Amino acid sequence: MSGIEGSPAFACTVERDGTRATVAASGEIDLASSPELRRELQALLDDGVRRMVVDLGAVTFIDSSGLGVLVGALKRINEDRDGGSLEIRGLNGPVRKVFEITGLHETFVVRD
């Protein structure tokens, strides 16, 4: 398990099993913290992860930069010829509302 921290309101942990990984984020995903999340997701994809779950259950806020990171990771997974998946879990409160307003709840596989 690895972890990254930057913005005091953001933390991210990773559990990995071969080509599968679960990324659990907490706090706020915004302009300050989204580059850290991007680096973590890209590193996992570069290292062969093809099935990813991003757990946003402990995220209290997400802005367009955070959404862009998730969309970029989904796009990269979808372009992979070997297939893969990115699932979003734990949407609640204001984060769920952002996904619904933007229509991204229909773009991603979302599980509660």
N, C-alpha and C. Protein backbone atom coordinates (compact mmCIF):
# COMPACT_ATOMS: atom_id res chain seq x y z
N MET A 1 0.85 -1.17 0.00
CA MET A 1 0.00 0.00 0.00
C MET A 1 0.89 1.23 0.00
N SER A 2 0.53 2.20 -0.84
CA SER A 2 1.29 3.44 -0.87
C SER A 2 0.34 4.58 -0.58
N GLY A 3 0.88 5.73 -0.29
CA GLY A 3 0.03 6.89 -0.03
C GLY A 3 0.71 8.14 -0.51
N ILE A 4 -0.09 9.14 -0.88
CA ILE A 4 0.45 10.43 -1.25
C ILE A 4 -0.34 11.48 -0.51
N GLU A 5 0.33 12.54 -0.16
CA GLU A 5 -0.34 13.65 0.48
C GLU A 5 0.26 14.94 -0.04
N GLY A 6 -0.54 15.96 -0.15
CA GLY A 6 -0.05 17.26 -0.59
C GLY A 6 -0.85 18.32 0.10
N SER A 7 -1.93 18.73 -0.53
CA SER A 7 -2.86 19.66 0.08
C SER A 7 -3.30 19.05 1.41
N PRO A 8 -3.30 19.83 2.50
CA PRO A 8 -3.66 19.26 3.79
C PRO A 8 -5.07 18.66 3.80
N ALA A 9 -5.89 19.04 2.86
CA ALA A 9 -7.26 18.54 2.83
C ALA A 9 -7.40 17.35 1.88
N PHE A 10 -6.29 16.82 1.35
CA PHE A 10 -6.36 15.73 0.38
C PHE A 10 -5.40 14.62 0.79
N ALA A 11 -5.87 13.39 0.65
CA ALA A 11 -5.01 12.23 0.85
C ALA A 11 -5.47 11.14 -0.10
N CYS A 12 -4.56 10.23 -0.43
CA CYS A 12 -4.86 9.17 -1.37
C CYS A 12 -4.08 7.93 -0.96
N THR A 13 -4.77 6.79 -0.92
CA THR A 13 -4.09 5.53 -0.64
C THR A 13 -4.39 4.55 -1.78
N VAL A 14 -3.47 3.64 -1.99
CA VAL A 14 -3.61 2.68 -3.08
C VAL A 14 -3.42 1.27 -2.54
N GLU A 15 -4.33 0.40 -2.93
CA GLU A 15 -4.17 -1.03 -2.68
C GLU A 15 -4.12 -1.69 -4.05
N ARG A 16 -3.09 -2.52 -4.24
CA ARG A 16 -2.89 -3.10 -5.57
C ARG A 16 -2.75 -4.60 -5.48
N ASP A 17 -3.32 -5.26 -6.47
CA ASP A 17 -3.21 -6.71 -6.61
C ASP A 17 -3.02 -7.00 -8.09
N GLY A 18 -1.77 -7.11 -8.52
CA GLY A 18 -1.47 -7.38 -9.92
C GLY A 18 -1.91 -6.24 -10.83
N THR A 19 -2.82 -6.55 -11.75
CA THR A 19 -3.29 -5.53 -12.70
C THR A 19 -4.55 -4.83 -12.21
N ARG A 20 -4.88 -5.03 -10.93
CA ARG A 20 -6.05 -4.36 -10.32
C ARG A 20 -5.58 -3.44 -9.20
N ALA A 21 -6.26 -2.30 -9.07
CA ALA A 21 -5.92 -1.37 -8.00
C ALA A 21 -7.17 -0.64 -7.52
N THR A 22 -7.17 -0.35 -6.23
CA THR A 22 -8.20 0.50 -5.65
C THR A 22 -7.52 1.74 -5.11
N VAL A 23 -7.97 2.89 -5.56
CA VAL A 23 -7.44 4.17 -5.13
C VAL A 23 -8.51 4.82 -4.28
N ALA A 24 -8.21 5.06 -3.02
CA ALA A 24 -9.16 5.69 -2.10
C ALA A 24 -8.69 7.11 -1.82
N ALA A 25 -9.49 8.07 -2.25
CA ALA A 25 -9.15 9.48 -2.05
C ALA A 25 -10.01 10.03 -0.91
N SER A 26 -9.47 11.04 -0.25
CA SER A 26 -10.24 11.71 0.80
C SER A 26 -9.91 13.19 0.79
N GLY A 27 -10.85 13.96 1.31
CA GLY A 27 -10.67 15.41 1.36
C GLY A 27 -11.18 16.08 0.10
N GLU A 28 -10.46 17.09 -0.34
CA GLU A 28 -10.86 17.88 -1.50
C GLU A 28 -9.97 17.59 -2.70
N ILE A 29 -10.61 17.34 -3.85
CA ILE A 29 -9.87 17.19 -5.10
C ILE A 29 -10.12 18.46 -5.90
N ASP A 30 -9.10 19.31 -5.94
CA ASP A 30 -9.23 20.62 -6.58
C ASP A 30 -7.96 20.92 -7.37
N LEU A 31 -7.84 22.16 -7.79
CA LEU A 31 -6.70 22.57 -8.61
C LEU A 31 -5.37 22.27 -7.91
N ALA A 32 -5.32 22.39 -6.60
CA ALA A 32 -4.08 22.15 -5.86
C ALA A 32 -3.75 20.67 -5.74
N SER A 33 -4.76 19.83 -5.58
CA SER A 33 -4.51 18.41 -5.31
C SER A 33 -4.65 17.51 -6.54
N SER A 34 -5.34 17.96 -7.57
CA SER A 34 -5.57 17.09 -8.72
C SER A 34 -4.28 16.63 -9.42
N PRO A 35 -3.20 17.44 -9.46
CA PRO A 35 -1.97 16.92 -10.07
C PRO A 35 -1.41 15.70 -9.33
N GLU A 36 -1.59 15.65 -8.02
CA GLU A 36 -1.12 14.50 -7.24
C GLU A 36 -1.94 13.25 -7.60
N LEU A 37 -3.24 13.42 -7.71
CA LEU A 37 -4.10 12.31 -8.09
C LEU A 37 -3.75 11.85 -9.51
N ARG A 38 -3.52 12.79 -10.41
CA ARG A 38 -3.14 12.44 -11.79
C ARG A 38 -1.85 11.61 -11.80
N ARG A 39 -0.84 12.06 -11.05
CA ARG A 39 0.43 11.33 -11.00
C ARG A 39 0.23 9.90 -10.50
N GLU A 40 -0.60 9.75 -9.48
CA GLU A 40 -0.83 8.41 -8.91
C GLU A 40 -1.54 7.51 -9.92
N LEU A 41 -2.59 8.01 -10.57
CA LEU A 41 -3.33 7.20 -11.54
C LEU A 41 -2.45 6.87 -12.75
N GLN A 42 -1.70 7.84 -13.24
CA GLN A 42 -0.81 7.59 -14.38
C GLN A 42 0.26 6.57 -14.04
N ALA A 43 0.81 6.66 -12.83
CA ALA A 43 1.85 5.71 -12.42
C ALA A 43 1.28 4.29 -12.39
N LEU A 44 0.07 4.14 -11.90
CA LEU A 44 -0.56 2.82 -11.87
C LEU A 44 -0.78 2.29 -13.29
N LEU A 45 -1.29 3.15 -14.16
CA LEU A 45 -1.53 2.73 -15.55
C LEU A 45 -0.21 2.41 -16.25
N ASP A 46 0.82 3.21 -16.02
CA ASP A 46 2.13 2.96 -16.61
C ASP A 46 2.70 1.62 -16.13
N ASP A 47 2.33 1.24 -14.92
CA ASP A 47 2.86 0.02 -14.31
C ASP A 47 1.99 -1.21 -14.59
N GLY A 48 1.02 -1.07 -15.50
CA GLY A 48 0.27 -2.24 -15.93
C GLY A 48 -1.09 -2.45 -15.31
N VAL A 49 -1.55 -1.55 -14.46
CA VAL A 49 -2.90 -1.69 -13.90
C VAL A 49 -3.91 -1.48 -15.02
N ARG A 50 -4.86 -2.38 -15.14
CA ARG A 50 -5.88 -2.29 -16.18
C ARG A 50 -7.29 -2.26 -15.62
N ARG A 51 -7.45 -2.62 -14.37
CA ARG A 51 -8.75 -2.55 -13.71
C ARG A 51 -8.58 -1.71 -12.46
N MET A 52 -9.26 -0.57 -12.47
CA MET A 52 -9.08 0.39 -11.39
C MET A 52 -10.42 0.78 -10.79
N VAL A 53 -10.43 0.86 -9.47
CA VAL A 53 -11.58 1.39 -8.73
C VAL A 53 -11.09 2.66 -8.04
N VAL A 54 -11.82 3.75 -8.22
CA VAL A 54 -11.51 4.99 -7.53
C VAL A 54 -12.64 5.22 -6.53
N ASP A 55 -12.30 5.14 -5.26
CA ASP A 55 -13.28 5.29 -4.18
C ASP A 55 -13.28 6.75 -3.73
N LEU A 56 -14.39 7.42 -3.97
CA LEU A 56 -14.53 8.83 -3.61
C LEU A 56 -15.42 9.02 -2.39
N GLY A 57 -15.64 7.96 -1.63
CA GLY A 57 -16.54 8.02 -0.48
C GLY A 57 -16.14 9.03 0.58
N ALA A 58 -14.85 9.31 0.70
CA ALA A 58 -14.38 10.26 1.71
C ALA A 58 -14.00 11.61 1.09
N VAL A 59 -14.37 11.81 -0.17
CA VAL A 59 -14.10 13.09 -0.84
C VAL A 59 -15.25 14.05 -0.54
N THR A 60 -14.91 15.24 -0.09
CA THR A 60 -15.92 16.23 0.28
C THR A 60 -16.17 17.27 -0.80
N PHE A 61 -15.26 17.34 -1.78
CA PHE A 61 -15.37 18.35 -2.83
C PHE A 61 -14.56 17.89 -4.03
N ILE A 62 -15.09 18.13 -5.23
CA ILE A 62 -14.33 17.88 -6.45
C ILE A 62 -14.67 18.98 -7.44
N ASP A 63 -13.65 19.53 -8.10
CA ASP A 63 -13.89 20.57 -9.11
C ASP A 63 -13.56 20.03 -10.50
N SER A 64 -13.60 20.91 -11.48
CA SER A 64 -13.40 20.48 -12.86
C SER A 64 -12.02 19.89 -13.10
N SER A 65 -11.02 20.35 -12.36
CA SER A 65 -9.68 19.78 -12.55
C SER A 65 -9.64 18.33 -12.07
N GLY A 66 -10.32 18.03 -11.00
CA GLY A 66 -10.41 16.66 -10.51
C GLY A 66 -11.19 15.78 -11.46
N LEU A 67 -12.29 16.31 -11.98
CA LEU A 67 -13.06 15.56 -12.97
C LEU A 67 -12.22 15.28 -14.21
N GLY A 68 -11.42 16.26 -14.61
CA GLY A 68 -10.56 16.09 -15.77
C GLY A 68 -9.54 14.97 -15.58
N VAL A 69 -9.02 14.84 -14.38
CA VAL A 69 -8.08 13.76 -14.08
C VAL A 69 -8.76 12.41 -14.26
N LEU A 70 -9.98 12.28 -13.74
CA LEU A 70 -10.71 11.02 -13.84
C LEU A 70 -11.08 10.71 -15.28
N VAL A 71 -11.51 11.71 -16.02
CA VAL A 71 -11.86 11.51 -17.43
C VAL A 71 -10.62 11.11 -18.22
N GLY A 72 -9.49 11.75 -17.94
CA GLY A 72 -8.24 11.40 -18.63
C GLY A 72 -7.83 9.96 -18.37
N ALA A 73 -7.97 9.50 -17.13
CA ALA A 73 -7.64 8.11 -16.80
C ALA A 73 -8.59 7.15 -17.51
N LEU A 74 -9.87 7.49 -17.54
CA LEU A 74 -10.86 6.66 -18.24
C LEU A 74 -10.54 6.58 -19.73
N LYS A 75 -10.20 7.71 -20.31
CA LYS A 75 -9.87 7.75 -21.74
C LYS A 75 -8.66 6.86 -22.02
N ARG A 76 -7.67 6.94 -21.18
CA ARG A 76 -6.47 6.12 -21.39
C ARG A 76 -6.79 4.63 -21.26
N ILE A 77 -7.60 4.27 -20.29
CA ILE A 77 -8.00 2.87 -20.12
C ILE A 77 -8.80 2.40 -21.33
N ASN A 78 -9.71 3.25 -21.81
CA ASN A 78 -10.54 2.87 -22.96
C ASN A 78 -9.74 2.74 -24.25
N GLU A 79 -8.61 3.42 -24.35
CA GLU A 79 -7.76 3.34 -25.54
C GLU A 79 -6.87 2.11 -25.53
N ASP A 80 -6.75 1.46 -24.38
CA ASP A 80 -5.90 0.28 -24.24
C ASP A 80 -6.50 -0.89 -25.01
N ARG A 81 -5.74 -1.47 -25.90
CA ARG A 81 -6.23 -2.58 -26.73
C ARG A 81 -6.50 -3.84 -25.92
N ASP A 82 -5.86 -3.97 -24.77
CA ASP A 82 -6.06 -5.15 -23.93
C ASP A 82 -7.32 -5.04 -23.07
N GLY A 83 -8.01 -3.93 -23.17
CA GLY A 83 -9.21 -3.73 -22.37
C GLY A 83 -8.85 -3.28 -20.97
N GLY A 84 -9.85 -2.91 -20.24
CA GLY A 84 -9.65 -2.44 -18.88
C GLY A 84 -10.92 -1.75 -18.41
N SER A 85 -10.90 -1.32 -17.16
CA SER A 85 -12.07 -0.65 -16.63
C SER A 85 -11.67 0.33 -15.53
N LEU A 86 -12.48 1.35 -15.39
CA LEU A 86 -12.33 2.30 -14.31
C LEU A 86 -13.72 2.48 -13.70
N GLU A 87 -13.83 2.15 -12.44
CA GLU A 87 -15.10 2.22 -11.73
C GLU A 87 -14.99 3.27 -10.63
N ILE A 88 -16.05 4.06 -10.48
CA ILE A 88 -16.12 5.06 -9.42
C ILE A 88 -17.03 4.51 -8.33
N ARG A 89 -16.59 4.61 -7.09
CA ARG A 89 -17.41 4.15 -5.96
C ARG A 89 -17.55 5.25 -4.92
N GLY A 90 -18.62 5.14 -4.16
CA GLY A 90 -18.79 5.96 -2.97
C GLY A 90 -19.22 7.39 -3.22
N LEU A 91 -19.84 7.68 -4.36
CA LEU A 91 -20.29 9.06 -4.58
C LEU A 91 -21.37 9.41 -3.58
N ASN A 92 -21.21 10.55 -2.94
CA ASN A 92 -22.22 11.01 -2.01
C ASN A 92 -22.23 12.53 -1.94
N GLY A 93 -23.32 13.07 -1.46
CA GLY A 93 -23.45 14.50 -1.22
C GLY A 93 -23.08 15.36 -2.41
N PRO A 94 -22.28 16.38 -2.14
CA PRO A 94 -21.93 17.34 -3.21
C PRO A 94 -21.13 16.72 -4.35
N VAL A 95 -20.37 15.67 -4.08
CA VAL A 95 -19.58 15.03 -5.14
C VAL A 95 -20.52 14.32 -6.10
N ARG A 96 -21.51 13.63 -5.58
CA ARG A 96 -22.51 12.98 -6.43
C ARG A 96 -23.22 14.03 -7.29
N LYS A 97 -23.57 15.14 -6.68
CA LYS A 97 -24.27 16.20 -7.39
C LYS A 97 -23.43 16.71 -8.57
N VAL A 98 -22.14 16.89 -8.39
CA VAL A 98 -21.26 17.34 -9.47
C VAL A 98 -21.25 16.32 -10.60
N PHE A 99 -21.17 15.04 -10.27
CA PHE A 99 -21.20 14.00 -11.30
C PHE A 99 -22.53 14.02 -12.05
N GLU A 100 -23.63 14.24 -11.35
CA GLU A 100 -24.94 14.26 -11.99
C GLU A 100 -25.12 15.49 -12.86
N ILE A 101 -24.71 16.65 -12.37
CA ILE A 101 -24.86 17.90 -13.13
C ILE A 101 -24.05 17.84 -14.43
N THR A 102 -22.87 17.25 -14.36
CA THR A 102 -22.00 17.18 -15.54
C THR A 102 -22.34 15.99 -16.45
N GLY A 103 -23.17 15.09 -15.98
CA GLY A 103 -23.52 13.91 -16.76
C GLY A 103 -22.47 12.80 -16.68
N LEU A 104 -21.46 12.99 -15.86
CA LEU A 104 -20.39 11.99 -15.78
C LEU A 104 -20.84 10.72 -15.06
N HIS A 105 -21.94 10.78 -14.34
CA HIS A 105 -22.46 9.56 -13.70
C HIS A 105 -22.91 8.56 -14.77
N GLU A 106 -23.13 9.04 -15.99
CA GLU A 106 -23.49 8.15 -17.10
C GLU A 106 -22.28 7.73 -17.93
N THR A 107 -21.18 8.45 -17.79
CA THR A 107 -19.95 8.14 -18.52
C THR A 107 -19.14 7.04 -17.82
N PHE A 108 -19.08 7.13 -16.51
CA PHE A 108 -18.34 6.17 -15.71
C PHE A 108 -19.25 5.04 -15.24
N VAL A 109 -18.65 3.92 -14.92
CA VAL A 109 -19.36 2.88 -14.17
C VAL A 109 -19.34 3.36 -12.73
N VAL A 110 -20.51 3.63 -12.17
CA VAL A 110 -20.61 4.16 -10.81
C VAL A 110 -21.32 3.14 -9.94
N ARG A 111 -20.69 2.80 -8.83
CA ARG A 111 -21.28 1.88 -7.86
C ARG A 111 -21.30 2.56 -6.49
N ASP A 112 -22.33 2.28 -5.74
CA ASP A 112 -22.43 2.85 -4.39
C ASP A 112 -21.67 2.03 -3.38
